[in-house]
N, C-alpha and C. Protein backbone atom coordinates (compact mmCIF):
# COMPACT_ATOMS: atom_id res chain seq x y z
N UNK A 1 18.90 7.71 12.57
CA UNK A 1 17.79 8.64 12.63
C UNK A 1 16.51 7.87 12.89
N UNK A 2 15.88 8.12 13.98
CA UNK A 2 14.62 7.47 14.32
C UNK A 2 13.48 8.46 14.12
N UNK A 3 12.43 7.99 13.50
CA UNK A 3 11.25 8.83 13.29
C UNK A 3 10.05 8.12 13.88
N UNK A 4 9.17 8.89 14.45
CA UNK A 4 7.97 8.35 15.07
C UNK A 4 6.77 8.74 14.22
N UNK A 5 6.01 7.77 13.77
CA UNK A 5 4.83 8.02 12.95
C UNK A 5 3.61 7.55 13.72
N UNK A 6 2.52 8.27 13.56
CA UNK A 6 1.32 7.93 14.31
C UNK A 6 0.09 7.91 13.40
N UNK A 7 -0.93 7.26 13.88
CA UNK A 7 -2.25 7.25 13.26
C UNK A 7 -3.24 7.00 14.38
N UNK A 8 -4.46 7.32 14.15
CA UNK A 8 -5.56 7.05 15.08
C UNK A 8 -6.46 6.01 14.45
N UNK A 9 -6.74 4.93 15.13
CA UNK A 9 -7.68 3.92 14.65
C UNK A 9 -8.74 3.79 15.73
N UNK A 10 -9.99 4.05 15.35
CA UNK A 10 -11.07 4.08 16.35
C UNK A 10 -12.22 3.18 15.91
N UNK A 11 -12.59 2.25 16.79
CA UNK A 11 -13.78 1.41 16.62
C UNK A 11 -14.59 1.56 17.90
N UNK A 12 -15.89 1.66 17.77
CA UNK A 12 -16.76 1.74 18.95
C UNK A 12 -17.90 0.75 18.81
N UNK A 13 -18.23 0.07 19.91
CA UNK A 13 -19.25 -0.97 19.91
C UNK A 13 -20.64 -0.41 19.67
N UNK A 14 -20.94 0.75 20.23
CA UNK A 14 -22.30 1.28 20.14
C UNK A 14 -23.25 0.37 20.90
N UNK A 15 -24.39 0.02 20.30
CA UNK A 15 -25.36 -0.83 21.00
C UNK A 15 -25.30 -2.29 20.54
N UNK A 16 -24.21 -2.67 19.89
CA UNK A 16 -24.05 -4.05 19.44
C UNK A 16 -23.72 -4.96 20.63
N UNK A 17 -24.30 -6.18 20.70
CA UNK A 17 -23.99 -7.08 21.81
C UNK A 17 -22.50 -7.46 21.87
N UNK A 18 -21.84 -7.59 20.76
CA UNK A 18 -20.41 -7.87 20.62
C UNK A 18 -20.04 -9.32 20.89
N UNK A 19 -20.42 -9.87 22.03
CA UNK A 19 -19.97 -11.21 22.40
C UNK A 19 -20.55 -12.30 21.50
N UNK A 20 -21.57 -11.97 20.70
CA UNK A 20 -22.10 -12.94 19.74
C UNK A 20 -21.28 -12.95 18.44
N UNK A 21 -20.27 -12.10 18.38
CA UNK A 21 -19.35 -11.95 17.24
C UNK A 21 -20.03 -11.40 15.99
N UNK A 22 -21.24 -10.90 16.13
CA UNK A 22 -21.95 -10.30 15.01
C UNK A 22 -21.95 -8.78 15.18
N UNK A 23 -20.77 -8.21 15.15
CA UNK A 23 -20.60 -6.77 15.32
C UNK A 23 -19.97 -6.19 14.07
N UNK A 24 -20.20 -4.94 13.83
CA UNK A 24 -19.64 -4.25 12.68
C UNK A 24 -18.13 -4.11 12.82
N UNK A 25 -17.44 -4.38 11.73
CA UNK A 25 -15.98 -4.21 11.72
C UNK A 25 -15.57 -2.85 11.17
N UNK A 26 -16.55 -1.98 10.90
CA UNK A 26 -16.21 -0.66 10.39
C UNK A 26 -15.59 0.19 11.50
N UNK A 27 -14.65 1.01 11.10
CA UNK A 27 -13.94 1.86 12.04
C UNK A 27 -13.43 3.10 11.31
N UNK A 28 -12.79 3.99 12.04
CA UNK A 28 -12.28 5.23 11.47
C UNK A 28 -10.77 5.25 11.59
N UNK A 29 -10.11 5.66 10.52
CA UNK A 29 -8.66 5.82 10.51
C UNK A 29 -8.37 7.31 10.34
N UNK A 30 -7.60 7.87 11.25
CA UNK A 30 -7.27 9.30 11.18
C UNK A 30 -5.75 9.47 11.11
N UNK A 31 -5.34 10.42 10.30
CA UNK A 31 -3.92 10.67 10.11
C UNK A 31 -3.62 12.13 10.37
N UNK A 32 -2.34 12.42 10.64
CA UNK A 32 -1.97 13.81 10.89
C UNK A 32 -2.33 14.65 9.67
N UNK A 33 -2.63 15.87 9.91
CA UNK A 33 -3.08 16.74 8.82
C UNK A 33 -4.59 16.71 8.66
N UNK A 34 -5.28 15.83 9.39
CA UNK A 34 -6.73 15.83 9.38
C UNK A 34 -7.41 14.83 8.45
N UNK A 35 -6.65 14.06 7.70
CA UNK A 35 -7.28 13.08 6.81
C UNK A 35 -7.95 12.00 7.65
N UNK A 36 -9.17 11.69 7.28
CA UNK A 36 -9.94 10.65 7.96
C UNK A 36 -10.58 9.77 6.91
N UNK A 37 -10.45 8.45 7.06
CA UNK A 37 -11.07 7.53 6.11
C UNK A 37 -11.79 6.42 6.86
N UNK A 38 -12.75 5.84 6.18
CA UNK A 38 -13.49 4.71 6.75
C UNK A 38 -12.68 3.44 6.54
N UNK A 39 -12.53 2.68 7.59
CA UNK A 39 -11.86 1.39 7.52
C UNK A 39 -12.82 0.27 7.86
N UNK A 40 -12.46 -0.93 7.45
CA UNK A 40 -13.29 -2.10 7.72
C UNK A 40 -12.46 -3.35 7.51
N UNK A 41 -12.95 -4.44 8.03
CA UNK A 41 -12.37 -5.73 7.66
C UNK A 41 -12.67 -5.96 6.19
N UNK A 42 -11.84 -6.73 5.54
CA UNK A 42 -12.08 -7.07 4.14
C UNK A 42 -13.36 -7.88 4.03
N UNK A 43 -14.19 -7.58 3.03
CA UNK A 43 -15.39 -8.40 2.83
C UNK A 43 -15.06 -9.84 2.45
N UNK A 44 -13.79 -10.11 2.09
CA UNK A 44 -13.36 -11.48 1.82
C UNK A 44 -13.14 -12.25 3.12
N UNK A 45 -12.93 -11.50 4.20
CA UNK A 45 -12.66 -12.11 5.50
C UNK A 45 -13.91 -12.11 6.36
N UNK A 46 -14.60 -10.98 6.40
CA UNK A 46 -15.83 -10.83 7.17
C UNK A 46 -16.91 -10.35 6.20
N UNK A 47 -17.93 -11.16 6.03
CA UNK A 47 -18.96 -10.87 5.05
C UNK A 47 -19.81 -9.66 5.46
N UNK A 48 -20.23 -8.85 4.43
CA UNK A 48 -21.19 -7.78 4.70
C UNK A 48 -22.47 -8.39 5.25
N UNK A 49 -23.20 -7.74 6.09
CA UNK A 49 -23.11 -6.33 6.47
C UNK A 49 -22.15 -6.07 7.64
N UNK A 50 -21.45 -7.09 8.13
CA UNK A 50 -20.53 -6.86 9.25
C UNK A 50 -19.24 -6.18 8.81
N UNK A 51 -19.00 -6.15 7.51
CA UNK A 51 -17.90 -5.36 6.95
C UNK A 51 -18.51 -4.40 5.93
N UNK A 52 -17.73 -3.42 5.52
CA UNK A 52 -18.21 -2.41 4.59
C UNK A 52 -17.31 -2.44 3.35
N UNK A 53 -17.88 -2.88 2.23
CA UNK A 53 -17.11 -2.98 0.98
C UNK A 53 -16.59 -1.63 0.51
N UNK A 54 -17.26 -0.53 0.88
CA UNK A 54 -16.85 0.80 0.45
C UNK A 54 -15.69 1.35 1.27
N UNK A 55 -15.42 0.75 2.42
CA UNK A 55 -14.33 1.22 3.28
C UNK A 55 -13.01 0.56 2.87
N UNK A 56 -11.92 1.12 3.35
CA UNK A 56 -10.59 0.59 3.06
C UNK A 56 -10.26 -0.49 4.09
N UNK A 57 -9.78 -1.63 3.60
CA UNK A 57 -9.41 -2.69 4.53
C UNK A 57 -7.89 -2.73 4.71
N UNK A 58 -7.40 -3.37 5.76
CA UNK A 58 -5.96 -3.39 6.04
C UNK A 58 -5.12 -3.94 4.89
N UNK A 59 -5.64 -4.92 4.19
CA UNK A 59 -4.89 -5.49 3.08
C UNK A 59 -4.71 -4.47 1.95
N UNK A 60 -5.78 -3.71 1.68
CA UNK A 60 -5.68 -2.65 0.67
C UNK A 60 -4.72 -1.56 1.10
N UNK A 61 -4.77 -1.20 2.38
CA UNK A 61 -3.84 -0.18 2.89
C UNK A 61 -2.40 -0.66 2.79
N UNK A 62 -2.17 -1.93 3.05
CA UNK A 62 -0.83 -2.49 3.00
C UNK A 62 -0.23 -2.36 1.60
N UNK A 63 -0.99 -2.81 0.59
CA UNK A 63 -0.44 -2.74 -0.76
C UNK A 63 -0.34 -1.29 -1.24
N UNK A 64 -1.30 -0.45 -0.85
CA UNK A 64 -1.25 0.97 -1.25
C UNK A 64 -0.06 1.67 -0.60
N UNK A 65 0.24 1.33 0.66
CA UNK A 65 1.38 1.95 1.34
C UNK A 65 2.69 1.56 0.66
N UNK A 66 2.83 0.30 0.30
CA UNK A 66 4.04 -0.13 -0.41
C UNK A 66 4.17 0.56 -1.76
N UNK A 67 3.06 0.68 -2.47
CA UNK A 67 3.06 1.35 -3.77
C UNK A 67 3.42 2.83 -3.63
N UNK A 68 2.82 3.48 -2.66
CA UNK A 68 3.08 4.91 -2.44
C UNK A 68 4.54 5.15 -2.07
N UNK A 69 5.10 4.33 -1.21
CA UNK A 69 6.49 4.45 -0.81
C UNK A 69 7.41 4.29 -2.02
N UNK A 70 7.15 3.26 -2.83
CA UNK A 70 7.97 3.03 -4.02
C UNK A 70 7.87 4.24 -4.96
N UNK A 71 6.66 4.74 -5.17
CA UNK A 71 6.45 5.87 -6.07
C UNK A 71 7.23 7.10 -5.60
N UNK A 72 7.15 7.40 -4.32
CA UNK A 72 7.84 8.59 -3.81
C UNK A 72 9.35 8.49 -4.00
N UNK A 73 9.90 7.31 -3.77
CA UNK A 73 11.33 7.13 -4.01
C UNK A 73 11.66 7.18 -5.50
N UNK A 74 10.80 6.59 -6.34
CA UNK A 74 11.01 6.63 -7.78
C UNK A 74 11.04 8.07 -8.28
N UNK A 75 10.07 8.88 -7.85
CA UNK A 75 10.02 10.28 -8.28
C UNK A 75 11.30 11.01 -7.87
N UNK A 76 11.76 10.75 -6.65
CA UNK A 76 12.99 11.39 -6.19
C UNK A 76 14.19 10.98 -7.04
N UNK A 77 14.31 9.69 -7.30
CA UNK A 77 15.43 9.18 -8.11
C UNK A 77 15.37 9.73 -9.53
N UNK A 78 14.19 9.81 -10.11
CA UNK A 78 14.04 10.35 -11.47
C UNK A 78 14.43 11.82 -11.51
N UNK A 79 13.98 12.60 -10.55
CA UNK A 79 14.31 14.03 -10.51
C UNK A 79 15.81 14.23 -10.35
N UNK A 80 16.44 13.43 -9.50
CA UNK A 80 17.89 13.54 -9.31
C UNK A 80 18.66 13.29 -10.60
N UNK A 81 18.11 12.45 -11.46
CA UNK A 81 18.80 12.11 -12.71
C UNK A 81 18.36 12.98 -13.88
N UNK A 82 17.50 13.96 -13.61
CA UNK A 82 17.10 14.89 -14.66
C UNK A 82 15.98 14.40 -15.55
N UNK A 83 15.27 13.34 -15.15
CA UNK A 83 14.13 12.85 -15.91
C UNK A 83 12.86 13.52 -15.40
N UNK A 84 12.11 14.14 -16.30
CA UNK A 84 10.88 14.82 -15.89
C UNK A 84 9.70 13.86 -15.99
N UNK A 85 9.14 13.52 -14.85
CA UNK A 85 8.00 12.61 -14.79
C UNK A 85 6.72 13.44 -14.90
N UNK A 86 5.85 13.06 -15.82
CA UNK A 86 4.57 13.73 -15.98
C UNK A 86 3.45 13.00 -15.25
N UNK A 87 3.54 11.68 -15.22
CA UNK A 87 2.46 10.89 -14.62
C UNK A 87 3.04 9.57 -14.13
N UNK A 88 2.54 9.15 -12.98
CA UNK A 88 2.93 7.87 -12.41
C UNK A 88 1.64 7.20 -11.96
N UNK A 89 1.36 6.04 -12.49
CA UNK A 89 0.14 5.32 -12.10
C UNK A 89 0.52 3.89 -11.75
N UNK A 90 0.00 3.41 -10.64
CA UNK A 90 0.24 2.03 -10.23
C UNK A 90 -1.09 1.41 -9.85
N UNK A 91 -1.23 0.14 -10.11
CA UNK A 91 -2.40 -0.64 -9.69
C UNK A 91 -1.87 -1.87 -8.97
N UNK A 92 -1.40 -1.69 -7.72
CA UNK A 92 -0.78 -2.81 -7.00
C UNK A 92 -1.79 -3.89 -6.65
N UNK A 93 -1.28 -5.11 -6.54
CA UNK A 93 -2.11 -6.24 -6.11
C UNK A 93 -1.38 -6.97 -4.99
N UNK A 94 -2.15 -7.65 -4.18
CA UNK A 94 -1.58 -8.46 -3.11
C UNK A 94 -2.19 -9.85 -3.14
N UNK A 95 -1.35 -10.85 -2.95
CA UNK A 95 -1.80 -12.24 -2.93
C UNK A 95 -1.73 -12.78 -1.52
N UNK A 96 -2.88 -13.14 -0.98
CA UNK A 96 -2.96 -13.74 0.35
C UNK A 96 -2.95 -15.26 0.18
N UNK A 97 -2.15 -15.92 1.02
CA UNK A 97 -2.15 -17.39 1.03
C UNK A 97 -1.55 -17.85 2.35
N UNK A 98 -1.69 -19.14 2.61
CA UNK A 98 -1.12 -19.71 3.84
C UNK A 98 0.38 -19.85 3.71
N UNK A 99 1.08 -19.51 4.79
CA UNK A 99 2.53 -19.72 4.80
C UNK A 99 2.82 -21.12 5.33
N UNK A 100 4.09 -21.44 5.52
CA UNK A 100 4.48 -22.79 5.97
C UNK A 100 3.97 -23.11 7.36
N UNK A 101 3.65 -22.07 8.14
CA UNK A 101 3.10 -22.30 9.49
C UNK A 101 1.58 -22.39 9.48
N UNK A 102 0.97 -22.32 8.29
CA UNK A 102 -0.48 -22.40 8.19
C UNK A 102 -1.19 -21.09 8.47
N UNK A 103 -0.45 -20.00 8.54
CA UNK A 103 -1.03 -18.68 8.78
C UNK A 103 -1.29 -17.99 7.44
N UNK A 104 -2.43 -17.29 7.37
CA UNK A 104 -2.74 -16.52 6.18
C UNK A 104 -1.89 -15.25 6.20
N UNK A 105 -1.12 -15.03 5.14
CA UNK A 105 -0.22 -13.87 5.06
C UNK A 105 -0.35 -13.22 3.68
N UNK A 106 0.09 -11.97 3.61
CA UNK A 106 0.21 -11.30 2.32
C UNK A 106 1.52 -11.80 1.74
N UNK A 107 1.45 -12.85 0.95
CA UNK A 107 2.64 -13.55 0.47
C UNK A 107 3.39 -12.76 -0.60
N UNK A 108 2.66 -12.10 -1.48
CA UNK A 108 3.29 -11.36 -2.56
C UNK A 108 2.54 -10.07 -2.82
N UNK A 109 3.28 -9.00 -2.93
CA UNK A 109 2.72 -7.72 -3.36
C UNK A 109 3.38 -7.41 -4.69
N UNK A 110 2.57 -7.13 -5.69
CA UNK A 110 3.10 -6.81 -7.01
C UNK A 110 2.74 -5.37 -7.37
N UNK A 111 3.78 -4.59 -7.64
CA UNK A 111 3.60 -3.22 -8.10
C UNK A 111 3.72 -3.23 -9.61
N UNK A 112 2.84 -2.50 -10.28
CA UNK A 112 2.86 -2.43 -11.74
C UNK A 112 2.82 -0.97 -12.19
N UNK A 113 3.87 -0.23 -11.86
CA UNK A 113 3.85 1.20 -12.19
C UNK A 113 3.98 1.46 -13.69
N UNK A 114 3.22 2.44 -14.13
CA UNK A 114 3.29 2.94 -15.49
C UNK A 114 3.66 4.41 -15.39
N UNK A 115 4.79 4.79 -16.00
CA UNK A 115 5.33 6.13 -15.84
C UNK A 115 5.45 6.81 -17.19
N UNK A 116 5.01 8.07 -17.25
CA UNK A 116 5.15 8.88 -18.46
C UNK A 116 6.15 9.99 -18.18
N UNK A 117 7.02 10.23 -19.14
CA UNK A 117 8.06 11.25 -19.05
C UNK A 117 7.90 12.25 -20.19
N UNK A 118 8.45 13.43 -20.01
CA UNK A 118 8.54 14.40 -21.10
C UNK A 118 9.86 15.13 -20.98
N UNK A 119 10.18 15.90 -22.01
CA UNK A 119 11.42 16.65 -21.99
C UNK A 119 12.47 16.03 -22.87
N UNK A 120 13.62 16.68 -22.92
CA UNK A 120 14.71 16.24 -23.78
C UNK A 120 15.41 14.99 -23.26
N UNK A 121 15.41 14.82 -21.95
CA UNK A 121 16.11 13.68 -21.34
C UNK A 121 15.09 12.63 -20.95
N UNK A 122 15.11 11.51 -21.65
CA UNK A 122 14.16 10.42 -21.40
C UNK A 122 14.95 9.16 -21.01
N UNK A 123 14.48 8.43 -20.02
CA UNK A 123 15.19 7.20 -19.65
C UNK A 123 14.97 6.11 -20.68
N UNK A 124 16.04 5.36 -20.99
CA UNK A 124 15.86 4.17 -21.83
C UNK A 124 15.42 3.03 -20.91
N UNK A 125 15.23 1.85 -21.46
CA UNK A 125 14.73 0.71 -20.68
C UNK A 125 15.65 0.38 -19.51
N UNK A 126 16.96 0.45 -19.73
CA UNK A 126 17.91 0.15 -18.65
C UNK A 126 17.83 1.19 -17.53
N UNK A 127 17.74 2.47 -17.89
CA UNK A 127 17.65 3.54 -16.89
C UNK A 127 16.35 3.43 -16.11
N UNK A 128 15.26 3.09 -16.80
CA UNK A 128 13.97 2.93 -16.14
C UNK A 128 14.02 1.78 -15.13
N UNK A 129 14.60 0.67 -15.57
CA UNK A 129 14.76 -0.48 -14.68
C UNK A 129 15.60 -0.09 -13.46
N UNK A 130 16.66 0.66 -13.68
CA UNK A 130 17.54 1.09 -12.59
C UNK A 130 16.81 2.01 -11.61
N UNK A 131 15.97 2.90 -12.13
CA UNK A 131 15.19 3.79 -11.25
C UNK A 131 14.28 2.98 -10.34
N UNK A 132 13.61 1.97 -10.90
CA UNK A 132 12.73 1.12 -10.08
C UNK A 132 13.54 0.30 -9.08
N UNK A 133 14.69 -0.21 -9.50
CA UNK A 133 15.53 -0.98 -8.58
C UNK A 133 15.98 -0.11 -7.40
N UNK A 134 16.45 1.09 -7.70
CA UNK A 134 16.89 1.99 -6.64
C UNK A 134 15.75 2.39 -5.71
N UNK A 135 14.59 2.69 -6.29
CA UNK A 135 13.42 3.06 -5.49
C UNK A 135 13.04 1.91 -4.57
N UNK A 136 13.06 0.70 -5.09
CA UNK A 136 12.73 -0.48 -4.29
C UNK A 136 13.73 -0.67 -3.15
N UNK A 137 15.00 -0.48 -3.44
CA UNK A 137 16.05 -0.63 -2.41
C UNK A 137 15.92 0.41 -1.31
N UNK A 138 15.45 1.61 -1.65
CA UNK A 138 15.35 2.69 -0.67
C UNK A 138 14.01 2.72 0.08
N UNK A 139 12.99 2.12 -0.47
CA UNK A 139 11.65 2.18 0.14
C UNK A 139 11.68 1.62 1.56
N UNK A 140 11.35 2.47 2.51
CA UNK A 140 11.35 2.07 3.92
C UNK A 140 10.43 0.88 4.17
N UNK A 141 9.28 0.90 3.54
CA UNK A 141 8.30 -0.16 3.79
C UNK A 141 8.70 -1.48 3.16
N UNK A 142 9.20 -1.43 1.94
CA UNK A 142 9.65 -2.67 1.30
C UNK A 142 10.79 -3.30 2.10
N UNK A 143 11.59 -2.46 2.75
CA UNK A 143 12.68 -2.96 3.59
C UNK A 143 12.18 -3.45 4.95
N UNK A 144 10.90 -3.24 5.23
CA UNK A 144 10.35 -3.56 6.54
C UNK A 144 9.51 -4.82 6.58
N UNK A 145 9.13 -5.35 5.44
CA UNK A 145 8.20 -6.48 5.41
C UNK A 145 8.89 -7.77 5.02
N UNK A 146 8.30 -8.88 5.45
CA UNK A 146 8.82 -10.20 5.08
C UNK A 146 8.25 -10.67 3.74
N UNK A 147 7.16 -10.05 3.31
CA UNK A 147 6.53 -10.45 2.05
C UNK A 147 7.47 -10.14 0.89
N UNK A 148 7.36 -10.95 -0.13
CA UNK A 148 8.05 -10.68 -1.37
C UNK A 148 7.35 -9.50 -2.03
N UNK A 149 8.08 -8.45 -2.34
CA UNK A 149 7.52 -7.29 -3.02
C UNK A 149 8.14 -7.23 -4.40
N UNK A 150 7.31 -7.41 -5.41
CA UNK A 150 7.77 -7.40 -6.79
C UNK A 150 7.43 -6.06 -7.43
N UNK A 151 8.26 -5.62 -8.35
CA UNK A 151 8.00 -4.43 -9.12
C UNK A 151 7.96 -4.85 -10.57
N UNK A 152 6.79 -4.65 -11.20
CA UNK A 152 6.61 -5.03 -12.59
C UNK A 152 6.09 -3.83 -13.38
N UNK A 153 6.99 -2.94 -13.80
CA UNK A 153 6.55 -1.78 -14.57
C UNK A 153 5.80 -2.21 -15.82
N UNK A 154 4.83 -1.41 -16.21
CA UNK A 154 4.07 -1.73 -17.42
C UNK A 154 4.11 -0.57 -18.38
C-alpha cells in the first residue's frame, strides 16, 4: 500500500538582496485541511533576526512528528487492548551532533511519554512497556529514519 503525503513550504525573497546571505529564513508551512504555521531555521543554526525564534524549525518538526506518530500508534494499541487512555503527554527532545562523516545529524530522539488511564482495566508496568514497544515498532516515521529513536516513558 503506497500513500502519497504532501505539504506546501513557501519562502519568498521579497526585497532582500539574498546573495549577501543576510536574508530571512522565515517561511510558511501549509498542510492539507488548511493548517498553516510559520517556519524558520533554528536560531541555534541561524541567529536572529535572520531566523524567528517564535516559528517552528525543522528540527522541532522532526522530533514532534516522531512523537506524534508514536502517540497515535500507542493510542490505537491501548484501545485494542481495552485500556482507556485519558491523557497522553510527551516532551520529546532531539540531540544534534556530528556523525562519523563529520555531518551534523539528529543523532538521538528521545520520547518521554506520560500516560494516564482510567477504568477497571489498567495496564501494569509490563503491559505499558509492551504498548510502547508495539507503538514504536509500528510507527511509520520511526521505521523511516536512521536516527536512534528512544522511548522513555515517565
